């Protein structure tokens, strides 16, 4: 009779282990979703303080230096939450912050000149002068 109990005990143990693994995976998934929500909230908070193309600079920084940009964003959000930073941040100021910590964010720029009511690029204007 003890031989019949051993397979039954093994089945019960296996079932219990499966339940524990599923529970652990569920708890881990909840923890990950909470951390994702916190990160989104931090970014949303920072976006409320950005103006004058600040959101573009932030997107460029995150695409070019994702890990480092996240650290800088977290620090800025800490300053906002603690009340040490209460003014808005322009795109140029945010770019200066990233450059001050050594991140050379590449921003696409173009110079356009208004001529006869139309905007033309500086390159096109120089090409016209050569022809």
N, C-alpha and C. Protein backbone atom coordinates (compact mmCIF):
# COMPACT_ATOMS: atom_id res chain seq x y z
N UNK A 1 0.82 -1.20 0.00
CA UNK A 1 0.00 0.00 0.00
C UNK A 1 0.86 1.26 0.00
N UNK A 2 2.02 1.20 0.58
CA UNK A 2 2.91 2.35 0.60
C UNK A 2 3.44 2.66 -0.80
N UNK A 3 3.52 1.64 -1.66
CA UNK A 3 3.96 1.87 -3.02
C UNK A 3 2.93 2.66 -3.82
N UNK A 4 1.65 2.49 -3.52
CA UNK A 4 0.61 3.22 -4.21
C UNK A 4 0.57 4.68 -3.76
N UNK A 5 0.94 4.95 -2.53
CA UNK A 5 0.92 6.32 -2.01
C UNK A 5 2.05 7.15 -2.61
N UNK A 6 3.17 6.56 -2.89
CA UNK A 6 4.31 7.30 -3.42
C UNK A 6 3.97 7.99 -4.75
N UNK A 7 3.37 7.32 -5.72
CA UNK A 7 3.01 8.02 -6.95
C UNK A 7 1.97 9.11 -6.70
N UNK A 8 1.04 8.85 -5.79
CA UNK A 8 0.04 9.85 -5.47
C UNK A 8 0.67 11.07 -4.82
N UNK A 9 1.61 10.82 -3.92
CA UNK A 9 2.32 11.95 -3.28
C UNK A 9 3.12 12.74 -4.31
N UNK A 10 3.73 12.04 -5.24
CA UNK A 10 4.50 12.72 -6.29
C UNK A 10 3.58 13.59 -7.14
N UNK A 11 2.40 13.09 -7.44
CA UNK A 11 1.43 13.86 -8.23
C UNK A 11 0.99 15.09 -7.45
N UNK A 12 0.72 14.92 -6.17
CA UNK A 12 0.28 16.03 -5.33
C UNK A 12 1.40 17.08 -5.22
N UNK A 13 2.63 16.61 -5.01
CA UNK A 13 3.77 17.54 -4.93
C UNK A 13 3.95 18.30 -6.25
N UNK A 14 3.85 17.60 -7.36
CA UNK A 14 4.00 18.24 -8.67
C UNK A 14 2.92 19.29 -8.89
N UNK A 15 1.69 18.95 -8.51
CA UNK A 15 0.59 19.90 -8.65
C UNK A 15 0.84 21.14 -7.78
N UNK A 16 1.29 20.91 -6.56
CA UNK A 16 1.56 22.02 -5.63
C UNK A 16 2.70 22.90 -6.16
N UNK A 17 3.75 22.28 -6.70
CA UNK A 17 4.88 23.04 -7.26
C UNK A 17 4.43 23.87 -8.45
N UNK A 18 3.56 23.30 -9.28
CA UNK A 18 3.05 24.04 -10.43
C UNK A 18 2.27 25.26 -9.97
N UNK A 19 1.44 25.10 -8.95
CA UNK A 19 0.67 26.22 -8.42
C UNK A 19 1.58 27.30 -7.86
N UNK A 20 2.63 26.90 -7.13
CA UNK A 20 3.57 27.87 -6.55
C UNK A 20 4.32 28.63 -7.65
N UNK A 21 4.72 27.92 -8.71
CA UNK A 21 5.41 28.58 -9.82
C UNK A 21 4.50 29.59 -10.51
N UNK A 22 3.25 29.22 -10.73
CA UNK A 22 2.30 30.14 -11.36
C UNK A 22 2.08 31.37 -10.49
N UNK A 23 1.98 31.16 -9.19
CA UNK A 23 1.77 32.28 -8.26
C UNK A 23 2.99 33.21 -8.27
N UNK A 24 4.19 32.63 -8.27
CA UNK A 24 5.41 33.43 -8.29
C UNK A 24 5.50 34.23 -9.60
N UNK A 25 5.15 33.60 -10.72
CA UNK A 25 5.18 34.30 -12.00
C UNK A 25 4.17 35.44 -12.02
N UNK A 26 3.00 35.21 -11.44
CA UNK A 26 1.97 36.25 -11.37
C UNK A 26 2.43 37.43 -10.52
N UNK A 27 3.04 37.15 -9.38
CA UNK A 27 3.54 38.22 -8.50
C UNK A 27 4.64 39.00 -9.22
N UNK A 28 5.52 38.32 -9.93
CA UNK A 28 6.59 39.00 -10.68
C UNK A 28 6.01 39.90 -11.77
N UNK A 29 4.98 39.41 -12.43
CA UNK A 29 4.34 40.21 -13.48
C UNK A 29 3.71 41.47 -12.90
N UNK A 30 3.10 41.36 -11.74
CA UNK A 30 2.50 42.53 -11.08
C UNK A 30 3.58 43.54 -10.70
N UNK A 31 4.71 43.06 -10.18
CA UNK A 31 5.81 43.96 -9.81
C UNK A 31 6.34 44.71 -11.04
N UNK A 32 6.49 44.00 -12.16
CA UNK A 32 6.99 44.63 -13.39
C UNK A 32 6.01 45.68 -13.89
N UNK A 33 4.72 45.37 -13.84
CA UNK A 33 3.73 46.34 -14.32
C UNK A 33 3.70 47.57 -13.43
N UNK A 34 3.89 47.42 -12.13
CA UNK A 34 3.93 48.57 -11.23
C UNK A 34 5.15 49.44 -11.51
N UNK A 35 6.30 48.83 -11.79
CA UNK A 35 7.49 49.62 -12.09
C UNK A 35 7.34 50.33 -13.43
N UNK A 36 6.67 49.70 -14.41
CA UNK A 36 6.42 50.35 -15.69
C UNK A 36 5.50 51.55 -15.50
N UNK A 37 4.48 51.43 -14.66
CA UNK A 37 3.56 52.53 -14.40
C UNK A 37 4.31 53.68 -13.75
N UNK A 38 5.20 53.38 -12.82
CA UNK A 38 5.97 54.43 -12.14
C UNK A 38 6.85 55.17 -13.14
N UNK A 39 7.50 54.44 -14.06
CA UNK A 39 8.36 55.07 -15.05
C UNK A 39 7.55 55.97 -15.98
N UNK A 40 6.39 55.53 -16.38
CA UNK A 40 5.54 56.34 -17.25
C UNK A 40 5.09 57.60 -16.51
N UNK A 41 4.73 57.44 -15.23
CA UNK A 41 4.30 58.59 -14.45
C UNK A 41 5.43 59.61 -14.30
N UNK A 42 6.67 59.14 -14.10
CA UNK A 42 7.80 60.04 -13.98
C UNK A 42 8.00 60.81 -15.28
N UNK A 43 7.90 60.12 -16.39
CA UNK A 43 8.09 60.78 -17.68
C UNK A 43 6.96 61.79 -17.92
N UNK A 44 5.74 61.41 -17.57
CA UNK A 44 4.61 62.34 -17.75
C UNK A 44 4.79 63.58 -16.88
N UNK A 45 5.30 63.39 -15.67
CA UNK A 45 5.55 64.53 -14.79
C UNK A 45 6.59 65.46 -15.41
N UNK A 46 7.65 64.89 -15.93
CA UNK A 46 8.69 65.70 -16.56
C UNK A 46 8.14 66.42 -17.79
N UNK A 47 7.32 65.74 -18.58
CA UNK A 47 6.76 66.36 -19.78
C UNK A 47 5.92 67.59 -19.45
N UNK A 48 5.30 67.60 -18.27
CA UNK A 48 4.51 68.76 -17.85
C UNK A 48 5.41 69.97 -17.59
N UNK A 49 6.68 69.74 -17.27
CA UNK A 49 7.61 70.82 -16.98
C UNK A 49 8.41 71.25 -18.21
N UNK A 50 8.23 70.58 -19.35
CA UNK A 50 9.00 70.91 -20.54
C UNK A 50 8.20 71.81 -21.48
N UNK A 51 8.89 72.74 -22.12
CA UNK A 51 8.28 73.59 -23.14
C UNK A 51 9.33 73.90 -24.19
N UNK A 52 8.89 74.53 -25.28
CA UNK A 52 9.80 74.97 -26.35
C UNK A 52 10.67 73.82 -26.86
N UNK A 53 10.01 72.78 -27.40
CA UNK A 53 10.67 71.62 -28.00
C UNK A 53 11.41 70.75 -26.99
N UNK A 54 11.09 70.90 -25.72
CA UNK A 54 11.71 70.05 -24.70
C UNK A 54 11.36 68.59 -24.88
N UNK A 55 10.12 68.32 -25.31
CA UNK A 55 9.71 66.94 -25.53
C UNK A 55 10.50 66.30 -26.67
N UNK A 56 10.85 67.10 -27.69
CA UNK A 56 11.65 66.57 -28.80
C UNK A 56 13.05 66.22 -28.32
N UNK A 57 13.63 67.10 -27.50
CA UNK A 57 14.98 66.84 -26.98
C UNK A 57 14.96 65.58 -26.12
N UNK A 58 13.93 65.41 -25.30
CA UNK A 58 13.81 64.23 -24.45
C UNK A 58 13.70 62.97 -25.30
N UNK A 59 12.90 63.00 -26.35
CA UNK A 59 12.75 61.84 -27.23
C UNK A 59 14.08 61.51 -27.93
N UNK A 60 14.80 62.53 -28.38
CA UNK A 60 16.09 62.29 -29.01
C UNK A 60 17.08 61.69 -28.02
N UNK A 61 17.09 62.20 -26.80
CA UNK A 61 18.01 61.68 -25.78
C UNK A 61 17.69 60.23 -25.47
N UNK A 62 16.40 59.91 -25.35
CA UNK A 62 16.02 58.53 -25.04
C UNK A 62 16.33 57.58 -26.19
N UNK A 63 16.26 58.07 -27.42
CA UNK A 63 16.57 57.20 -28.55
C UNK A 63 18.07 57.01 -28.74
N UNK A 64 18.86 58.04 -28.42
CA UNK A 64 20.31 57.96 -28.63
C UNK A 64 21.04 57.37 -27.43
N UNK A 65 20.61 57.66 -26.22
CA UNK A 65 21.23 57.18 -24.99
C UNK A 65 20.14 56.72 -24.01
N UNK A 66 19.52 55.57 -24.24
CA UNK A 66 18.37 55.18 -23.43
C UNK A 66 18.67 55.01 -21.94
N UNK A 67 19.75 54.36 -21.59
CA UNK A 67 20.05 54.10 -20.18
C UNK A 67 20.43 55.40 -19.47
N UNK A 68 21.31 56.17 -20.08
CA UNK A 68 21.78 57.39 -19.45
C UNK A 68 20.66 58.42 -19.35
N UNK A 69 19.83 58.50 -20.38
CA UNK A 69 18.72 59.46 -20.38
C UNK A 69 17.74 59.12 -19.26
N UNK A 70 17.51 57.83 -19.03
CA UNK A 70 16.61 57.42 -17.97
C UNK A 70 17.14 57.87 -16.61
N UNK A 71 18.46 57.77 -16.41
CA UNK A 71 19.05 58.21 -15.15
C UNK A 71 18.89 59.72 -14.96
N UNK A 72 19.13 60.47 -16.01
CA UNK A 72 18.99 61.93 -15.93
C UNK A 72 17.53 62.30 -15.68
N UNK A 73 16.61 61.65 -16.37
CA UNK A 73 15.18 61.92 -16.18
C UNK A 73 14.77 61.63 -14.74
N UNK A 74 15.24 60.49 -14.21
CA UNK A 74 14.91 60.14 -12.82
C UNK A 74 15.42 61.19 -11.85
N UNK A 75 16.61 61.71 -12.09
CA UNK A 75 17.17 62.73 -11.19
C UNK A 75 16.39 64.03 -11.29
N UNK A 76 16.02 64.43 -12.49
CA UNK A 76 15.23 65.65 -12.67
C UNK A 76 13.87 65.50 -11.98
N UNK A 77 13.26 64.33 -12.12
CA UNK A 77 11.96 64.08 -11.49
C UNK A 77 12.10 64.13 -9.96
N UNK A 78 13.21 63.59 -9.43
CA UNK A 78 13.45 63.68 -7.98
C UNK A 78 13.51 65.13 -7.54
N UNK A 79 14.20 65.97 -8.32
CA UNK A 79 14.31 67.39 -7.99
C UNK A 79 12.94 68.06 -8.04
N UNK A 80 12.13 67.69 -8.99
CA UNK A 80 10.78 68.26 -9.10
C UNK A 80 9.94 67.84 -7.90
N UNK A 81 9.98 66.56 -7.56
CA UNK A 81 9.18 66.05 -6.45
C UNK A 81 9.61 66.64 -5.11
N UNK A 82 10.91 66.88 -4.95
CA UNK A 82 11.39 67.44 -3.68
C UNK A 82 11.14 68.93 -3.59
N UNK A 83 10.81 69.56 -4.71
CA UNK A 83 10.53 70.99 -4.70
C UNK A 83 11.75 71.86 -4.99
N UNK A 84 12.90 71.23 -5.22
CA UNK A 84 14.11 71.99 -5.54
C UNK A 84 14.04 72.59 -6.93
N UNK A 85 13.25 72.01 -7.81
CA UNK A 85 13.08 72.51 -9.17
C UNK A 85 11.60 72.82 -9.37
N UNK A 86 11.28 74.10 -9.50
CA UNK A 86 9.88 74.47 -9.65
C UNK A 86 9.60 75.28 -10.90
N UNK A 87 10.62 75.52 -11.72
CA UNK A 87 10.41 76.29 -12.94
C UNK A 87 10.34 75.34 -14.14
N UNK A 88 9.81 75.84 -15.22
CA UNK A 88 9.72 75.06 -16.44
C UNK A 88 11.09 74.93 -17.09
N UNK A 89 11.26 73.88 -17.89
CA UNK A 89 12.55 73.61 -18.54
C UNK A 89 12.34 73.70 -20.04
N UNK A 90 13.11 74.55 -20.69
CA UNK A 90 13.00 74.67 -22.15
C UNK A 90 13.80 73.56 -22.82
N UNK A 91 13.59 73.40 -24.11
CA UNK A 91 14.33 72.41 -24.86
C UNK A 91 15.83 72.68 -24.85
N UNK A 92 16.19 73.96 -24.94
CA UNK A 92 17.61 74.32 -24.90
C UNK A 92 18.23 74.04 -23.55
N UNK A 93 17.49 74.29 -22.48
CA UNK A 93 18.01 74.01 -21.14
C UNK A 93 18.17 72.51 -20.92
N UNK A 94 17.20 71.74 -21.39
CA UNK A 94 17.30 70.29 -21.26
C UNK A 94 18.48 69.75 -22.06
N UNK A 95 18.68 70.30 -23.24
CA UNK A 95 19.83 69.91 -24.05
C UNK A 95 21.13 70.25 -23.33
N UNK A 96 21.17 71.41 -22.68
CA UNK A 96 22.36 71.81 -21.92
C UNK A 96 22.59 70.87 -20.74
N UNK A 97 21.52 70.42 -20.10
CA UNK A 97 21.65 69.48 -18.99
C UNK A 97 22.28 68.18 -19.49
N UNK A 98 21.76 67.65 -20.59
CA UNK A 98 22.30 66.41 -21.13
C UNK A 98 23.76 66.59 -21.55
N UNK A 99 24.08 67.71 -22.14
CA UNK A 99 25.47 67.94 -22.57
C UNK A 99 26.39 68.14 -21.38
N UNK A 100 25.87 68.72 -20.29
CA UNK A 100 26.71 68.93 -19.11
C UNK A 100 27.11 67.63 -18.44
N UNK A 101 26.32 66.57 -18.62
CA UNK A 101 26.69 65.27 -18.07
C UNK A 101 27.42 64.41 -19.10
N UNK A 102 27.74 64.99 -20.25
CA UNK A 102 28.56 64.31 -21.23
C UNK A 102 27.81 63.61 -22.35
N UNK A 103 26.52 63.81 -22.45
CA UNK A 103 25.74 63.18 -23.52
C UNK A 103 25.60 64.17 -24.68
N UNK A 104 26.21 63.85 -25.79
CA UNK A 104 26.17 64.72 -26.96
C UNK A 104 24.95 64.35 -27.80
N UNK A 105 23.83 64.95 -27.48
CA UNK A 105 22.59 64.69 -28.19
C UNK A 105 22.66 65.38 -29.55
N UNK A 106 22.42 64.61 -30.61
CA UNK A 106 22.43 65.17 -31.96
C UNK A 106 21.01 65.62 -32.31
N UNK A 107 20.90 66.92 -32.55
CA UNK A 107 19.60 67.50 -32.89
C UNK A 107 19.65 67.94 -34.34
N UNK A 108 18.68 67.50 -35.12
CA UNK A 108 18.60 67.93 -36.52
C UNK A 108 18.16 69.39 -36.56
N UNK A 109 18.97 70.20 -37.18
CA UNK A 109 18.64 71.62 -37.29
C UNK A 109 18.65 72.02 -38.75
N UNK A 110 17.88 73.03 -39.05
CA UNK A 110 17.89 73.57 -40.40
C UNK A 110 17.70 75.08 -40.30
N UNK A 111 18.39 75.77 -41.17
CA UNK A 111 18.27 77.22 -41.23
C UNK A 111 17.48 77.54 -42.48
N UNK A 112 16.38 78.27 -42.30
CA UNK A 112 15.54 78.62 -43.44
C UNK A 112 15.44 80.14 -43.51
N UNK A 113 15.43 80.62 -44.72
CA UNK A 113 15.37 82.05 -44.98
C UNK A 113 14.06 82.35 -45.68
N UNK A 114 13.42 83.45 -45.26
CA UNK A 114 12.18 83.84 -45.90
C UNK A 114 12.52 84.77 -47.06
N UNK A 115 12.08 84.36 -48.24
CA UNK A 115 12.35 85.15 -49.44
C UNK A 115 11.09 85.17 -50.29
N UNK A 116 10.57 86.35 -50.54
CA UNK A 116 9.36 86.53 -51.33
C UNK A 116 8.18 85.74 -50.74
N UNK A 117 8.08 85.75 -49.43
CA UNK A 117 6.97 85.08 -48.76
C UNK A 117 7.10 83.58 -48.64
N UNK A 118 8.22 83.01 -49.08
CA UNK A 118 8.44 81.57 -49.00
C UNK A 118 9.68 81.31 -48.17
N UNK A 119 9.67 80.20 -47.47
CA UNK A 119 10.85 79.78 -46.72
C UNK A 119 11.65 78.81 -47.56
N UNK A 120 12.94 79.11 -47.73
CA UNK A 120 13.83 78.20 -48.44
C UNK A 120 15.01 77.90 -47.51
N UNK A 121 15.58 76.71 -47.68
CA UNK A 121 16.69 76.32 -46.81
C UNK A 121 17.95 77.11 -47.17
N UNK A 122 18.82 77.20 -46.19
CA UNK A 122 20.08 77.93 -46.40
C UNK A 122 20.90 77.26 -47.50
N UNK A 123 20.86 75.93 -47.56
CA UNK A 123 21.59 75.20 -48.60
C UNK A 123 21.09 75.54 -49.99
N UNK A 124 19.76 75.62 -50.14
CA UNK A 124 19.19 75.98 -51.44
C UNK A 124 19.56 77.41 -51.81
N UNK A 125 19.56 78.30 -50.83
CA UNK A 125 19.92 79.70 -51.08
C UNK A 125 21.37 79.80 -51.54
N UNK A 126 22.26 79.04 -50.91
CA UNK A 126 23.67 79.07 -51.32
C UNK A 126 23.84 78.47 -52.70
N UNK A 127 23.07 77.45 -53.03
CA UNK A 127 23.15 76.85 -54.37
C UNK A 127 22.70 77.83 -55.43
N UNK A 128 21.68 78.64 -55.12
CA UNK A 128 21.21 79.67 -56.07
C UNK A 128 22.30 80.69 -56.35
N UNK A 129 23.07 81.02 -55.32
CA UNK A 129 24.14 82.01 -55.50
C UNK A 129 25.26 81.49 -56.34
N UNK A 130 25.49 80.19 -56.36
CA UNK A 130 26.58 79.59 -57.13
C UNK A 130 26.19 79.52 -58.60
N UNK A 131 24.93 79.23 -58.90
CA UNK A 131 24.49 79.07 -60.29
C UNK A 131 24.52 80.32 -61.03
